[in-house]
Protein backbone atom coordinates (compact mmCIF):
# COMPACT_ATOMS: atom_id res chain seq x y z
CA MET A 1 -10.35 -31.39 -7.93
CA ALA A 2 -11.60 -31.89 -11.50
CA SER A 3 -14.86 -30.16 -10.63
CA ASP A 4 -12.88 -27.18 -9.28
CA LEU A 5 -11.26 -26.54 -12.65
CA ILE A 6 -12.51 -23.82 -14.98
CA ASN A 7 -11.69 -23.04 -18.59
CA ALA A 8 -9.87 -20.01 -19.99
CA ASP A 9 -13.07 -18.24 -21.01
CA GLU A 10 -14.30 -18.38 -17.41
CA VAL A 11 -11.01 -16.92 -16.12
CA ASP A 12 -11.32 -14.09 -18.67
CA ARG A 13 -14.92 -13.47 -17.62
CA ARG A 14 -14.15 -13.36 -13.90
CA PHE A 15 -11.27 -10.90 -14.35
CA LEU A 16 -13.08 -8.89 -17.05
CA TRP A 17 -10.18 -9.62 -19.41
CA LEU A 18 -10.38 -9.67 -23.18
CA THR A 19 -11.25 -13.11 -24.55
CA GLY A 20 -8.09 -15.15 -25.02
CA THR A 21 -6.01 -13.39 -22.35
CA ALA A 22 -5.93 -16.28 -19.86
CA GLU A 23 -5.02 -18.77 -22.59
CA LYS A 24 -2.24 -16.53 -23.88
CA LEU A 25 -0.81 -16.04 -20.39
CA ALA A 26 -0.99 -19.76 -19.63
CA ARG A 27 0.77 -20.74 -22.85
CA ARG A 28 3.55 -18.30 -21.91
CA ASN A 29 3.71 -19.96 -18.45
CA LYS A 30 2.66 -16.72 -16.76
CA LEU A 31 -0.50 -18.20 -15.25
CA PRO A 32 -0.83 -21.52 -13.35
CA HIS A 33 -2.77 -24.03 -15.42
CA TYR A 34 -3.33 -27.69 -16.22
CA LEU A 35 -2.75 -28.98 -19.73
CA LEU A 36 -5.23 -31.61 -20.87
CA PRO A 37 -4.25 -34.52 -23.18
CA ASP A 38 -6.15 -32.86 -26.04
CA GLY A 39 -4.18 -29.61 -25.58
CA GLY A 40 -6.95 -27.79 -23.75
CA LEU A 41 -6.25 -25.70 -20.68
CA ARG A 42 -7.96 -25.68 -17.31
CA PHE A 43 -7.36 -23.48 -14.31
CA GLN A 44 -7.96 -23.74 -10.59
CA TRP A 45 -9.59 -20.44 -9.65
CA ALA A 46 -7.90 -20.16 -6.23
CA GLU A 47 -4.42 -20.53 -7.78
CA VAL A 48 -5.06 -17.98 -10.52
CA ALA A 49 -6.78 -15.44 -8.25
CA SER A 50 -3.99 -15.67 -5.67
CA MET A 51 -1.29 -15.13 -8.27
CA VAL A 52 -3.04 -12.22 -9.98
CA ARG A 53 -3.63 -10.45 -6.64
CA HIS A 54 0.13 -10.45 -6.02
CA ILE A 55 1.10 -8.93 -9.37
CA GLN A 56 1.51 -5.17 -9.39
CA PRO A 57 0.10 -3.47 -12.48
CA THR A 58 2.63 -1.71 -14.65
CA ALA A 59 2.35 2.02 -15.34
CA GLU A 60 1.68 1.20 -19.00
CA SER A 61 -1.27 -1.06 -18.18
CA VAL A 62 -2.75 1.52 -15.81
CA GLN A 63 -2.51 4.23 -18.49
CA ARG A 64 -4.08 1.94 -21.07
CA HIS A 65 -7.09 1.28 -18.82
CA THR A 66 -7.60 4.90 -17.72
CA LYS A 67 -7.56 6.56 -21.14
CA SER A 68 -10.92 7.73 -22.44
């Protein structure tokens, strides 16, 4: 399982999120993650991808991403 874990930057990259988004969501317990003894975060891609697919975007987030 350890080799299946990815860091927050990789989650951000795969979802095309701003840098720091995955870490912020994890620290707010909004994203499944594993906390390392040194305080670092790791994610299992399948868990994160499954959860994000089931979240409906809010109207505000859609407007924010469609504005020119």
